[in-house]
């Protein structure tokens, strides 16, 4: 599944890429943030670490981020 990423989704992927393997806690306060996280998870671009509140970017997510930024540049 390939998504056409929104600005919000791109920003979330960038934040997770910067967090590295450790990941980061995502606190979706808005419905658009919750929707972005759900979309990225369904596309397997991010995953939630088991038994934690941490999210990490997957290799597939990194590839999508590179492709998207290349298209924009």
PDB file of N, CA and C in Angstrom:
ATOM      1  N   UNK A   1       0.843  -1.179   0.000  1.00  0.00           N
ATOM      2  CA  UNK A   1       0.000   0.000   0.000  1.00  0.00           C
ATOM      3  C   UNK A   1       0.887   1.240   0.000  1.00  0.00           C
ATOM      4  N   UNK A   2       0.699   2.124  -0.968  1.00  0.00           N
ATOM      5  CA  UNK A   2       1.442   3.371  -1.052  1.00  0.00           C
ATOM      6  C   UNK A   2       0.475   4.519  -0.815  1.00  0.00           C
ATOM      7  N   UNK A   3       0.873   5.419   0.042  1.00  0.00           N
ATOM      8  CA  UNK A   3       0.033   6.565   0.366  1.00  0.00           C
ATOM      9  C   UNK A   3       0.557   7.825  -0.295  1.00  0.00           C
ATOM     10  N   UNK A   4      -0.340   8.710  -0.569  1.00  0.00           N
ATOM     11  CA  UNK A   4       0.043  10.071  -0.923  1.00  0.00           C
ATOM     12  C   UNK A   4       0.039  10.798   0.420  1.00  0.00           C
ATOM     13  N   UNK A   5       1.211  11.143   0.890  1.00  0.00           N
ATOM     14  CA  UNK A   5       1.366  11.668   2.235  1.00  0.00           C
ATOM     15  C   UNK A   5       0.940  13.126   2.346  1.00  0.00           C
ATOM     16  N   UNK A   6       0.257  13.421   3.442  1.00  0.00           N
ATOM     17  CA  UNK A   6      -0.105  14.802   3.747  1.00  0.00           C
ATOM     18  C   UNK A   6       1.072  15.480   4.446  1.00  0.00           C
ATOM     19  N   UNK A   7       1.003  16.782   4.595  1.00  0.00           N
ATOM     20  CA  UNK A   7       2.059  17.515   5.306  1.00  0.00           C
ATOM     21  C   UNK A   7       2.201  17.006   6.739  1.00  0.00           C
ATOM     22  N   UNK A   8       1.074  16.751   7.373  1.00  0.00           N
ATOM     23  CA  UNK A   8       1.082  16.262   8.748  1.00  0.00           C
ATOM     24  C   UNK A   8       1.764  14.897   8.834  1.00  0.00           C
ATOM     25  N   UNK A   9       1.467  14.022   7.894  1.00  0.00           N
ATOM     26  CA  UNK A   9       2.080  12.689   7.880  1.00  0.00           C
ATOM     27  C   UNK A   9       3.581  12.771   7.605  1.00  0.00           C
ATOM     28  N   UNK A  10       3.972  13.644   6.699  1.00  0.00           N
ATOM     29  CA  UNK A  10       5.393  13.841   6.405  1.00  0.00           C
ATOM     30  C   UNK A  10       6.117  14.347   7.648  1.00  0.00           C
ATOM     31  N   UNK A  11       5.507  15.287   8.344  1.00  0.00           N
ATOM     32  CA  UNK A  11       6.118  15.826   9.563  1.00  0.00           C
ATOM     33  C   UNK A  11       6.266  14.728  10.619  1.00  0.00           C
ATOM     34  N   UNK A  12       5.247  13.887  10.781  1.00  0.00           N
ATOM     35  CA  UNK A  12       5.333  12.786  11.745  1.00  0.00           C
ATOM     36  C   UNK A  12       6.447  11.814  11.373  1.00  0.00           C
ATOM     37  N   UNK A  13       6.572  11.498  10.092  1.00  0.00           N
ATOM     38  CA  UNK A  13       7.642  10.603   9.655  1.00  0.00           C
ATOM     39  C   UNK A  13       9.017  11.219   9.911  1.00  0.00           C
ATOM     40  N   UNK A  14       9.156  12.513   9.667  1.00  0.00           N
ATOM     41  CA  UNK A  14      10.430  13.191   9.916  1.00  0.00           C
ATOM     42  C   UNK A  14      10.783  13.151  11.402  1.00  0.00           C
ATOM     43  N   UNK A  15       9.789  13.376  12.250  1.00  0.00           N
ATOM     44  CA  UNK A  15      10.030  13.348  13.695  1.00  0.00           C
ATOM     45  C   UNK A  15      10.444  11.951  14.150  1.00  0.00           C
ATOM     46  N   UNK A  16       9.796  10.936  13.610  1.00  0.00           N
ATOM     47  CA  UNK A  16      10.145   9.574  13.988  1.00  0.00           C
ATOM     48  C   UNK A  16      11.499   9.165  13.432  1.00  0.00           C
ATOM     49  N   UNK A  17      11.824   9.635  12.237  1.00  0.00           N
ATOM     50  CA  UNK A  17      13.141   9.344  11.671  1.00  0.00           C
ATOM     51  C   UNK A  17      14.225   9.975  12.539  1.00  0.00           C
ATOM     52  N   UNK A  18      13.992  11.177  13.005  1.00  0.00           N
ATOM     53  CA  UNK A  18      14.958  11.861  13.860  1.00  0.00           C
ATOM     54  C   UNK A  18      15.101  11.168  15.217  1.00  0.00           C
ATOM     55  N   UNK A  19      14.032  10.542  15.688  1.00  0.00           N
ATOM     56  CA  UNK A  19      14.073   9.856  16.985  1.00  0.00           C
ATOM     57  C   UNK A  19      14.890   8.571  16.924  1.00  0.00           C
ATOM     58  N   UNK A  20      15.067   8.031  15.726  1.00  0.00           N
ATOM     59  CA  UNK A  20      15.870   6.826  15.554  1.00  0.00           C
ATOM     60  C   UNK A  20      15.194   5.579  16.091  1.00  0.00           C
ATOM     61  N   UNK A  21      16.005   4.582  16.427  1.00  0.00           N
ATOM     62  CA  UNK A  21      15.486   3.295  16.873  1.00  0.00           C
ATOM     63  C   UNK A  21      14.733   3.391  18.187  1.00  0.00           C
ATOM     64  N   UNK A  22      15.074   4.375  18.976  1.00  0.00           N
ATOM     65  CA  UNK A  22      14.420   4.538  20.272  1.00  0.00           C
ATOM     66  C   UNK A  22      12.949   4.886  20.106  1.00  0.00           C
ATOM     67  N   UNK A  23      12.624   5.613  19.047  1.00  0.00           N
ATOM     68  CA  UNK A  23      11.248   6.018  18.806  1.00  0.00           C
ATOM     69  C   UNK A  23      10.855   7.187  19.674  1.00  0.00           C
ATOM     70  N   UNK A  24       9.581   7.517  19.639  1.00  0.00           N
ATOM     71  CA  UNK A  24       9.090   8.607  20.470  1.00  0.00           C
ATOM     72  C   UNK A  24       7.626   8.390  20.791  1.00  0.00           C
ATOM     73  N   UNK A  25       7.208   9.009  21.864  1.00  0.00           N
ATOM     74  CA  UNK A  25       5.810   8.949  22.274  1.00  0.00           C
ATOM     75  C   UNK A  25       5.040   9.926  21.412  1.00  0.00           C
ATOM     76  N   UNK A  26       3.947   9.461  20.847  1.00  0.00           N
ATOM     77  CA  UNK A  26       3.098  10.323  20.044  1.00  0.00           C
ATOM     78  C   UNK A  26       1.856  10.630  20.861  1.00  0.00           C
ATOM     79  N   UNK A  27       1.596  11.868  21.036  1.00  0.00           N
ATOM     80  CA  UNK A  27       0.420  12.279  21.799  1.00  0.00           C
ATOM     81  C   UNK A  27      -0.550  12.970  20.856  1.00  0.00           C
ATOM     82  N   UNK A  28      -1.338  12.202  20.171  1.00  0.00           N
ATOM     83  CA  UNK A  28      -2.277  12.801  19.206  1.00  0.00           C
ATOM     84  C   UNK A  28      -3.430  13.496  19.919  1.00  0.00           C
ATOM     85  N   UNK A  29      -3.358  14.771  20.000  1.00  0.00           N
ATOM     86  CA  UNK A  29      -4.393  15.530  20.676  1.00  0.00           C
ATOM     87  C   UNK A  29      -5.538  15.874  19.736  1.00  0.00           C
ATOM     88  N   UNK A  30      -5.262  15.895  18.458  1.00  0.00           N
ATOM     89  CA  UNK A  30      -6.299  16.266  17.496  1.00  0.00           C
ATOM     90  C   UNK A  30      -6.729  15.045  16.693  1.00  0.00           C
ATOM     91  N   UNK A  31      -7.903  15.141  16.146  1.00  0.00           N
ATOM     92  CA  UNK A  31      -8.391  14.026  15.325  1.00  0.00           C
ATOM     93  C   UNK A  31      -7.548  13.863  14.063  1.00  0.00           C
ATOM     94  N   UNK A  32      -6.998  14.965  13.532  1.00  0.00           N
ATOM     95  CA  UNK A  32      -6.164  14.850  12.329  1.00  0.00           C
ATOM     96  C   UNK A  32      -4.859  14.126  12.644  1.00  0.00           C
ATOM     97  N   UNK A  33      -4.302  14.343  13.838  1.00  0.00           N
ATOM     98  CA  UNK A  33      -3.088  13.628  14.224  1.00  0.00           C
ATOM     99  C   UNK A  33      -3.381  12.150  14.425  1.00  0.00           C
ATOM    100  N   UNK A  34      -4.490  11.831  15.050  1.00  0.00           N
ATOM    101  CA  UNK A  34      -4.874  10.422  15.230  1.00  0.00           C
ATOM    102  C   UNK A  34      -5.086   9.756  13.877  1.00  0.00           C
ATOM    103  N   UNK A  35      -5.703  10.469  12.971  1.00  0.00           N
ATOM    104  CA  UNK A  35      -5.937   9.947  11.628  1.00  0.00           C
ATOM    105  C   UNK A  35      -4.625   9.718  10.890  1.00  0.00           C
ATOM    106  N   UNK A  36      -3.696  10.648  11.018  1.00  0.00           N
ATOM    107  CA  UNK A  36      -2.384  10.514  10.362  1.00  0.00           C
ATOM    108  C   UNK A  36      -1.650   9.296  10.892  1.00  0.00           C
ATOM    109  N   UNK A  37      -1.657   9.108  12.205  1.00  0.00           N
ATOM    110  CA  UNK A  37      -0.997   7.949  12.802  1.00  0.00           C
ATOM    111  C   UNK A  37      -1.644   6.663  12.316  1.00  0.00           C
ATOM    112  N   UNK A  38      -2.968   6.627  12.286  1.00  0.00           N
ATOM    113  CA  UNK A  38      -3.673   5.433  11.818  1.00  0.00           C
ATOM    114  C   UNK A  38      -3.343   5.128  10.362  1.00  0.00           C
ATOM    115  N   UNK A  39      -3.291   6.154   9.509  1.00  0.00           N
ATOM    116  CA  UNK A  39      -2.950   5.960   8.097  1.00  0.00           C
ATOM    117  C   UNK A  39      -1.534   5.430   7.930  1.00  0.00           C
ATOM    118  N   UNK A  40      -0.599   6.007   8.667  1.00  0.00           N
ATOM    119  CA  UNK A  40       0.797   5.579   8.574  1.00  0.00           C
ATOM    120  C   UNK A  40       0.982   4.158   9.094  1.00  0.00           C
ATOM    121  N   UNK A  41       0.244   3.803  10.115  1.00  0.00           N
ATOM    122  CA  UNK A  41       0.325   2.436  10.635  1.00  0.00           C
ATOM    123  C   UNK A  41      -0.284   1.437   9.645  1.00  0.00           C
ATOM    124  N   UNK A  42      -1.407   1.800   9.035  1.00  0.00           N
ATOM    125  CA  UNK A  42      -2.047   0.877   8.086  1.00  0.00           C
ATOM    126  C   UNK A  42      -1.180   0.651   6.853  1.00  0.00           C
ATOM    127  N   UNK A  43      -0.373   1.651   6.492  1.00  0.00           N
ATOM    128  CA  UNK A  43       0.545   1.513   5.359  1.00  0.00           C
ATOM    129  C   UNK A  43       1.864   0.879   5.778  1.00  0.00           C
ATOM    130  N   UNK A  44       1.997   0.571   7.059  1.00  0.00           N
ATOM    131  CA  UNK A  44       3.204  -0.024   7.632  1.00  0.00           C
ATOM    132  C   UNK A  44       4.414   0.899   7.512  1.00  0.00           C
ATOM    133  N   UNK A  45       4.171   2.207   7.602  1.00  0.00           N
ATOM    134  CA  UNK A  45       5.240   3.194   7.595  1.00  0.00           C
ATOM    135  C   UNK A  45       5.750   3.441   9.004  1.00  0.00           C
ATOM    136  N   UNK A  46       4.898   3.210   9.986  1.00  0.00           N
ATOM    137  CA  UNK A  46       5.302   3.313  11.382  1.00  0.00           C
ATOM    138  C   UNK A  46       4.724   2.126  12.129  1.00  0.00           C
ATOM    139  N   UNK A  47       5.293   1.862  13.292  1.00  0.00           N
ATOM    140  CA  UNK A  47       4.738   0.814  14.134  1.00  0.00           C
ATOM    141  C   UNK A  47       4.877   1.247  15.588  1.00  0.00           C
ATOM    142  N   UNK A  48       4.049   0.653  16.399  1.00  0.00           N
ATOM    143  CA  UNK A  48       4.093   0.928  17.827  1.00  0.00           C
ATOM    144  C   UNK A  48       4.860  -0.194  18.500  1.00  0.00           C
ATOM    145  N   UNK A  49       5.813   0.179  19.324  1.00  0.00           N
ATOM    146  CA  UNK A  49       6.567  -0.839  20.054  1.00  0.00           C
ATOM    147  C   UNK A  49       5.635  -1.545  21.026  1.00  0.00           C
ATOM    148  N   UNK A  50       5.765  -2.842  21.064  1.00  0.00           N
ATOM    149  CA  UNK A  50       4.903  -3.658  21.899  1.00  0.00           C
ATOM    150  C   UNK A  50       5.063  -3.281  23.369  1.00  0.00           C
ATOM    151  N   UNK A  51       3.941  -3.165  24.046  1.00  0.00           N
ATOM    152  CA  UNK A  51       3.874  -2.867  25.480  1.00  0.00           C
ATOM    153  C   UNK A  51       4.427  -1.497  25.847  1.00  0.00           C
ATOM    154  N   UNK A  52       4.476  -0.585  24.889  1.00  0.00           N
ATOM    155  CA  UNK A  52       4.939   0.777  25.170  1.00  0.00           C
ATOM    156  C   UNK A  52       4.019   1.765  24.465  1.00  0.00           C
ATOM    157  N   UNK A  53       4.296   3.025  24.670  1.00  0.00           N
ATOM    158  CA  UNK A  53       3.584   4.086  23.958  1.00  0.00           C
ATOM    159  C   UNK A  53       4.481   4.698  22.882  1.00  0.00           C
ATOM    160  N   UNK A  54       5.588   4.016  22.580  1.00  0.00           N
ATOM    161  CA  UNK A  54       6.557   4.527  21.617  1.00  0.00           C
ATOM    162  C   UNK A  54       6.224   4.078  20.196  1.00  0.00           C
ATOM    163  N   UNK A  55       6.385   4.994  19.275  1.00  0.00           N
ATOM    164  CA  UNK A  55       6.217   4.707  17.851  1.00  0.00           C
ATOM    165  C   UNK A  55       7.575   4.855  17.179  1.00  0.00           C
ATOM    166  N   UNK A  56       7.832   4.002  16.191  1.00  0.00           N
ATOM    167  CA  UNK A  56       9.073   4.064  15.427  1.00  0.00           C
ATOM    168  C   UNK A  56       8.753   4.005  13.939  1.00  0.00           C
ATOM    169  N   UNK A  57       9.616   4.612  13.155  1.00  0.00           N
ATOM    170  CA  UNK A  57       9.462   4.567  11.704  1.00  0.00           C
ATOM    171  C   UNK A  57      10.031   3.234  11.210  1.00  0.00           C
ATOM    172  N   UNK A  58       9.397   2.666  10.212  1.00  0.00           N
ATOM    173  CA  UNK A  58       9.875   1.415   9.623  1.00  0.00           C
ATOM    174  C   UNK A  58      10.744   1.733   8.411  1.00  0.00           C
ATOM    175  N   UNK A  59      11.405   0.712   7.901  1.00  0.00           N
ATOM    176  CA  UNK A  59      12.205   0.898   6.684  1.00  0.00           C
ATOM    177  C   UNK A  59      11.314   1.360   5.536  1.00  0.00           C
ATOM    178  N   UNK A  60      10.135   0.805   5.468  1.00  0.00           N
ATOM    179  CA  UNK A  60       9.173   1.207   4.432  1.00  0.00           C
ATOM    180  C   UNK A  60       8.813   2.693   4.583  1.00  0.00           C
ATOM    181  N   UNK A  61       8.676   3.140   5.821  1.00  0.00           N
ATOM    182  CA  UNK A  61       8.386   4.548   6.091  1.00  0.00           C
ATOM    183  C   UNK A  61       9.535   5.452   5.690  1.00  0.00           C
ATOM    184  N   UNK A  62      10.752   4.995   5.952  1.00  0.00           N
ATOM    185  CA  UNK A  62      11.937   5.769   5.543  1.00  0.00           C
ATOM    186  C   UNK A  62      11.979   5.917   4.024  1.00  0.00           C
ATOM    187  N   UNK A  63      11.688   4.829   3.325  1.00  0.00           N
ATOM    188  CA  UNK A  63      11.684   4.869   1.863  1.00  0.00           C
ATOM    189  C   UNK A  63      10.620   5.830   1.349  1.00  0.00           C
ATOM    190  N   UNK A  64       9.449   5.789   1.942  1.00  0.00           N
ATOM    191  CA  UNK A  64       8.370   6.687   1.526  1.00  0.00           C
ATOM    192  C   UNK A  64       8.744   8.141   1.780  1.00  0.00           C
ATOM    193  N   UNK A  65       9.416   8.402   2.895  1.00  0.00           N
ATOM    194  CA  UNK A  65       9.840   9.756   3.218  1.00  0.00           C
ATOM    195  C   UNK A  65      10.864  10.249   2.203  1.00  0.00           C
ATOM    196  N   UNK A  66      11.812   9.414   1.836  1.00  0.00           N
ATOM    197  CA  UNK A  66      12.820   9.793   0.833  1.00  0.00           C
ATOM    198  C   UNK A  66      12.148  10.078  -0.508  1.00  0.00           C
ATOM    199  N   UNK A  67      11.239   9.204  -0.919  1.00  0.00           N
ATOM    200  CA  UNK A  67      10.539   9.400  -2.196  1.00  0.00           C
ATOM    201  C   UNK A  67       9.731  10.691  -2.197  1.00  0.00           C
ATOM    202  N   UNK A  68       9.033  10.933  -1.107  1.00  0.00           N
ATOM    203  CA  UNK A  68       8.191  12.130  -1.018  1.00  0.00           C
ATOM    204  C   UNK A  68       9.019  13.398  -1.041  1.00  0.00           C
ATOM    205  N   UNK A  69      10.117  13.423  -0.284  1.00  0.00           N
ATOM    206  CA  UNK A  69      10.940  14.631  -0.264  1.00  0.00           C
ATOM    207  C   UNK A  69      11.652  14.835  -1.593  1.00  0.00           C
ATOM    208  N   UNK A  70      11.979  13.758  -2.286  1.00  0.00           N
ATOM    209  CA  UNK A  70      12.592  13.861  -3.611  1.00  0.00           C
ATOM    210  C   UNK A  70      11.606  14.469  -4.619  1.00  0.00           C
ATOM    211  N   UNK A  71      10.334  14.066  -4.525  1.00  0.00           N
ATOM    212  CA  UNK A  71       9.301  14.599  -5.410  1.00  0.00           C
ATOM    213  C   UNK A  71       9.067  16.084  -5.169  1.00  0.00           C
ATOM    214  N   UNK A  72       9.176  16.496  -3.914  1.00  0.00           N
ATOM    215  CA  UNK A  72       8.924  17.894  -3.569  1.00  0.00           C
ATOM    216  C   UNK A  72      10.090  18.806  -3.919  1.00  0.00           C
ATOM    217  N   UNK A  73      11.297  18.232  -3.921  1.00  0.00           N
ATOM    218  CA  UNK A  73      12.504  19.034  -4.130  1.00  0.00           C
ATOM    219  C   UNK A  73      12.777  19.292  -5.534  1.00  0.00           C
TER     220      UNK A  73
END
